[in-house]
C-alpha atoms as a PDB file:
ATOM      1  CA  MET A   1     -30.609  21.119 -21.744  1.00  0.00           C
ATOM      2  CA  LYS A   2     -29.686  17.754 -23.326  1.00  0.00           C
ATOM      3  CA  ASN A   3     -26.164  19.192 -24.192  1.00  0.00           C
ATOM      4  CA  ILE A   4     -25.687  20.225 -20.647  1.00  0.00           C
ATOM      5  CA  LEU A   5     -26.514  16.631 -19.444  1.00  0.00           C
ATOM      6  CA  VAL A   6     -24.213  15.029 -22.119  1.00  0.00           C
ATOM      7  CA  LEU A   7     -21.449  17.512 -21.107  1.00  0.00           C
ATOM      8  CA  ALA A   8     -21.921  16.573 -17.421  1.00  0.00           C
ATOM      9  CA  VAL A   9     -21.792  12.775 -18.023  1.00  0.00           C
ATOM     10  CA  CYS A  10     -18.603  13.341 -20.262  1.00  0.00           C
ATOM     11  CA  LEU A  11     -16.959  15.379 -17.452  1.00  0.00           C
ATOM     12  CA  PHE A  12     -17.830  12.885 -14.840  1.00  0.00           C
ATOM     13  CA  ILE A  13     -16.300   9.865 -17.063  1.00  0.00           C
ATOM     14  CA  ALA A  14     -13.217  12.169 -17.609  1.00  0.00           C
ATOM     15  CA  ALA A  15     -12.762  12.977 -13.899  1.00  0.00           C
ATOM     16  CA  SER A  16     -13.153   9.336 -13.053  1.00  0.00           C
ATOM     17  CA  ALA A  17     -10.582   8.488 -15.837  1.00  0.00           C
ATOM     18  CA  SER A  18      -8.319  11.156 -14.605  1.00  0.00           C
ATOM     19  CA  ALA A  19      -8.507   9.977 -11.168  1.00  0.00           C
ATOM     20  CA  GLN A  20      -7.719   6.512 -12.019  1.00  0.00           C
ATOM     21  CA  ASP A  21      -4.884   7.957 -14.234  1.00  0.00           C
ATOM     22  CA  PHE A  22      -3.646   9.838 -11.428  1.00  0.00           C
ATOM     23  CA  LYS A  23      -3.653   6.943  -9.065  1.00  0.00           C
ATOM     24  CA  THR A  24      -1.790   4.864 -11.440  1.00  0.00           C
ATOM     25  CA  LEU A  25       0.684   7.648 -11.996  1.00  0.00           C
ATOM     26  CA  ILE A  26       1.209   7.945  -8.242  1.00  0.00           C
ATOM     27  CA  ALA A  27       1.518   4.237  -7.838  1.00  0.00           C
ATOM     28  CA  ASN A  28       4.147   4.105 -10.577  1.00  0.00           C
ATOM     29  CA  GLU A  29       6.057   7.063  -9.165  1.00  0.00           C
ATOM     30  CA  LEU A  30       6.051   5.417  -5.625  1.00  0.00           C
ATOM     31  CA  LYS A  31       7.354   1.977  -7.193  1.00  0.00           C
ATOM     32  CA  ALA A  32      10.159   3.667  -9.174  1.00  0.00           C
ATOM     33  CA  ALA A  33      11.152   5.497  -5.846  1.00  0.00           C
ATOM     34  CA  ASN A  34      11.007   2.215  -3.987  1.00  0.00           C
ATOM     35  CA  PHE A  35      13.303   0.544  -6.535  1.00  0.00           C
ATOM     36  CA  ASP A  36      15.495   3.635  -6.361  1.00  0.00           C
ATOM     37  CA  ASN A  37      15.648   3.452  -2.483  1.00  0.00           C
ATOM     38  CA  VAL A  38      16.321  -0.365  -2.324  1.00  0.00           C
ATOM     39  CA  SER A  39      19.055  -0.247  -5.107  1.00  0.00           C
ATOM     40  CA  SER A  40      20.742   2.599  -3.179  1.00  0.00           C
ATOM     41  CA  LEU A  41      20.496   0.622   0.290  1.00  0.00           C
ATOM     42  CA  LEU A  42      21.864  -2.712  -1.374  1.00  0.00           C
ATOM     43  CA  GLY A  43      24.591  -0.816  -3.251  1.00  0.00           C
ATOM     44  CA  PHE A  44      23.662  -2.056  -6.913  1.00  0.00           C
ATOM     45  CA  LYS A  45      20.906  -1.169  -9.306  1.00  0.00           C
ATOM     46  CA  ILE A  46      17.899  -3.527  -9.295  1.00  0.00           C
ATOM     47  CA  ASP A  47      16.561  -3.815 -12.783  1.00  0.00           C
ATOM     48  CA  PRO A  48      12.936  -4.127 -12.762  1.00  0.00           C
ATOM     49  CA  ALA A  49      13.021  -6.296 -15.783  1.00  0.00           C
ATOM     50  CA  SER A  50      15.444  -8.766 -14.138  1.00  0.00           C
ATOM     51  CA  LYS A  51      14.358 -11.981 -12.439  1.00  0.00           C
ATOM     52  CA  MET A  52      14.797 -10.531  -8.938  1.00  0.00           C
ATOM     53  CA  GLY A  53      13.333  -7.265 -10.024  1.00  0.00           C
ATOM     54  CA  LYS A  54      10.267  -9.030 -10.997  1.00  0.00           C
ATOM     55  CA  ALA A  55       9.962 -11.116  -7.921  1.00  0.00           C
ATOM     56  CA  TYR A  56      10.586  -7.877  -5.711  1.00  0.00           C
ATOM     57  CA  SER A  57       8.040  -6.016  -7.964  1.00  0.00           C
ATOM     58  CA  ALA A  58       5.368  -8.594  -7.432  1.00  0.00           C
ATOM     59  CA  ILE A  59       5.861  -8.607  -3.569  1.00  0.00           C
ATOM     60  CA  SER A  60       5.818  -4.586  -3.624  1.00  0.00           C
ATOM     61  CA  ASP A  61       2.568  -4.650  -5.552  1.00  0.00           C
ATOM     62  CA  LYS A  62       0.954  -6.977  -2.999  1.00  0.00           C
ATOM     63  CA  LEU A  63       2.482  -5.000  -0.204  1.00  0.00           C
ATOM     64  CA  MET A  64       0.899  -1.709  -1.769  1.00  0.00           C
ATOM     65  CA  ALA A  65      -2.493  -3.349  -2.269  1.00  0.00           C
ATOM     66  CA  ASN A  66      -2.453  -4.480   1.417  1.00  0.00           C
ATOM     67  CA  THR A  67      -1.656  -0.878   2.426  1.00  0.00           C
ATOM     68  CA  GLU A  68      -4.662   0.223   0.248  1.00  0.00           C
ATOM     69  CA  GLN A  69      -6.747  -2.230   2.119  1.00  0.00           C
ATOM     70  CA  ARG A  70      -5.635  -0.937   5.332  1.00  0.00           C
ATOM     71  CA  PHE A  71      -6.589   2.786   4.195  1.00  0.00           C
ATOM     72  CA  ASN A  72      -9.948   1.590   3.245  1.00  0.00           C
ATOM     73  CA  THR A  73     -10.474   0.255   6.772  1.00  0.00           C
ATOM     74  CA  ILE A  74      -9.327   3.592   8.021  1.00  0.00           C
ATOM     75  CA  LYS A  75     -11.635   5.407   5.706  1.00  0.00           C
ATOM     76  CA  LYS A  76     -14.575   3.012   6.878  1.00  0.00           C
ATOM     77  CA  PHE A  77     -13.640   4.059  10.610  1.00  0.00           C
ATOM     78  CA  ALA A  78     -13.500   7.792   9.684  1.00  0.00           C
ATOM     79  CA  GLU A  79     -16.779   7.539   7.901  1.00  0.00           C
ATOM     80  CA  ASN A  80     -18.381   5.881  10.894  1.00  0.00           C
ATOM     81  CA  ARG A  81     -16.315   7.389  13.801  1.00  0.00           C
ATOM     82  CA  LYS A  82     -19.421   9.168  15.386  1.00  0.00           C
ATOM     83  CA  ASN A  83     -21.612   6.261  15.456  1.00  0.00           C
ATOM     84  CA  ILE A  84     -19.655   3.063  16.112  1.00  0.00           C
ATOM     85  CA  THR A  85     -22.020   0.390  16.612  1.00  0.00           C
ATOM     86  CA  PRO A  86     -20.927  -3.001  18.010  1.00  0.00           C
ATOM     87  CA  GLU A  87     -21.273  -4.654  14.511  1.00  0.00           C
ATOM     88  CA  MET A  88     -19.091  -1.760  12.982  1.00  0.00           C
ATOM     89  CA  ALA A  89     -16.489  -2.211  15.705  1.00  0.00           C
ATOM     90  CA  ASN A  90     -16.339  -5.928  15.218  1.00  0.00           C
ATOM     91  CA  SER A  91     -16.061  -5.377  11.432  1.00  0.00           C
ATOM     92  CA  LEU A  92     -13.325  -3.032  11.717  1.00  0.00           C
ATOM     93  CA  ILE A  93     -11.468  -5.179  14.199  1.00  0.00           C
ATOM     94  CA  LYS A  94     -11.696  -8.193  11.728  1.00  0.00           C
ATOM     95  CA  ASP A  95     -10.573  -5.898   8.943  1.00  0.00           C
ATOM     96  CA  SER A  96      -7.751  -4.805  10.763  1.00  0.00           C
ATOM     97  CA  MET A  97      -6.656  -8.170  11.837  1.00  0.00           C
ATOM     98  CA  LYS A  98      -6.884  -9.394   8.274  1.00  0.00           C
ATOM     99  CA  PHE A  99      -4.533  -6.892   6.732  1.00  0.00           C
ATOM    100  CA  GLN A 100      -2.110  -7.345   9.547  1.00  0.00           C
ATOM    101  CA  LYS A 101      -2.006 -11.117   9.009  1.00  0.00           C
ATOM    102  CA  GLU A 102      -1.771 -10.695   5.301  1.00  0.00           C
ATOM    103  CA  ARG A 103       1.081  -8.133   5.685  1.00  0.00           C
ATOM    104  CA  THR A 104       3.088 -10.747   8.050  1.00  0.00           C
ATOM    105  CA  LYS A 105       2.454 -13.534   5.383  1.00  0.00           C
ATOM    106  CA  LEU A 106       3.670 -11.155   2.520  1.00  0.00           C
ATOM    107  CA  MET A 107       6.747 -10.194   4.322  1.00  0.00           C
ATOM    108  CA  SER A 108       7.705 -13.999   4.903  1.00  0.00           C
ATOM    109  CA  GLN A 109       7.461 -14.273   1.358  1.00  0.00           C
ATOM    110  CA  ILE A 110      10.277 -11.957   0.646  1.00  0.00           C
ATOM    111  CA  PRO A 111      13.159 -14.287   1.533  1.00  0.00           C
ATOM    112  CA  LYS A 112      11.835 -17.025  -0.723  1.00  0.00           C
ATOM    113  CA  ALA A 113      11.204 -14.709  -3.563  1.00  0.00           C
ATOM    114  CA  VAL A 114      14.391 -12.766  -3.559  1.00  0.00           C
ATOM    115  CA  GLY A 115      16.631 -14.506  -0.985  1.00  0.00           C
ATOM    116  CA  LYS A 116      18.519 -16.458  -3.697  1.00  0.00           C
ATOM    117  CA  ASP A 117      19.494 -13.337  -5.435  1.00  0.00           C
ATOM    118  CA  LEU A 118      20.876 -11.586  -2.312  1.00  0.00           C
ATOM    119  CA  SER A 119      23.384 -11.955   0.285  1.00  0.00           C
ATOM    120  CA  PRO A 120      22.086 -12.611   3.728  1.00  0.00           C
ATOM    121  CA  ALA A 121      23.141  -9.015   4.748  1.00  0.00           C
ATOM    122  CA  ASN A 122      21.454  -7.446   1.853  1.00  0.00           C
ATOM    123  CA  LEU A 123      18.254  -9.643   2.335  1.00  0.00           C
ATOM    124  CA  LEU A 124      18.181  -8.478   6.059  1.00  0.00           C
ATOM    125  CA  THR A 125      18.660  -4.946   4.598  1.00  0.00           C
ATOM    126  CA  LEU A 126      15.798  -5.340   2.446  1.00  0.00           C
ATOM    127  CA  MET A 127      13.655  -6.761   5.149  1.00  0.00           C
ATOM    128  CA  GLN A 128      14.541  -3.772   7.339  1.00  0.00           C
ATOM    129  CA  TYR A 129      13.681  -1.300   4.695  1.00  0.00           C
ATOM    130  CA  GLU A 130      10.219  -2.932   4.156  1.00  0.00           C
ATOM    131  CA  SER A 131       9.583  -3.007   7.984  1.00  0.00           C
ATOM    132  CA  LYS A 132      10.838   0.620   8.345  1.00  0.00           C
ATOM    133  CA  LYS A 133       8.375   1.792   5.699  1.00  0.00           C
ATOM    134  CA  GLN A 134       5.711   0.230   7.567  1.00  0.00           C
ATOM    135  CA  ALA A 135       6.857   1.704  11.079  1.00  0.00           C
ATOM    136  CA  ILE A 136       6.807   5.079   9.385  1.00  0.00           C
ATOM    137  CA  LEU A 137       3.289   4.628   8.334  1.00  0.00           C
ATOM    138  CA  ASP A 138       2.296   3.171  11.664  1.00  0.00           C
ATOM    139  CA  GLY A 139       3.640   6.038  13.558  1.00  0.00           C
ATOM    140  CA  PHE A 140       1.886   8.544  11.237  1.00  0.00           C
ATOM    141  CA  LEU A 141      -1.413   6.828  11.747  1.00  0.00           C
ATOM    142  CA  ALA A 142      -0.936   6.380  15.612  1.00  0.00           C
ATOM    143  CA  ARG A 143      -0.482  10.293  15.680  1.00  0.00           C
ATOM    144  CA  ASN A 144      -3.360  11.130  13.691  1.00  0.00           C
ATOM    145  CA  ILE A 145      -6.166   8.536  13.997  1.00  0.00           C
ATOM    146  CA  PRO A 146      -8.322   9.195  17.142  1.00  0.00           C
ATOM    147  CA  PHE A 147      -9.539   6.474  19.481  1.00  0.00           C
ATOM    148  CA  ALA A 148     -12.989   4.942  18.635  1.00  0.00           C
ATOM    149  CA  ASN A 149     -14.512   6.201  21.868  1.00  0.00           C
ATOM    150  CA  MET A 150     -13.357   9.924  21.412  1.00  0.00           C
END
């Protein structure tokens, strides 16, 4: 019995570590794809180790963390959808406004962070790319998340 308990604990720890490794793997793949997409759009390879690459990487990490906060709010909504109390509704509204405000702030940092390294047209292209990624996500969420009172 003791061995089974030890095995169960070890499996739980391994599963947790594997889930974190998987999450890190996915994040790294998304980041690599993001750099490839931006490089293709701008017409030159962005080296992640370059000054601009590091600046863009830092902003991308913050935008990804912001999206994760958004998904956490959606998860909170989904877990409580059948029983939305006034307090829960206010909390969800507050959380939603917080990540939207943070996203706007992060988008406004892009020109300062990488604008010196890009032409105005390429900076605009980068801003459009980031906006379009968000619009695609927004469209998906709008189609798939029901209204709170339904």
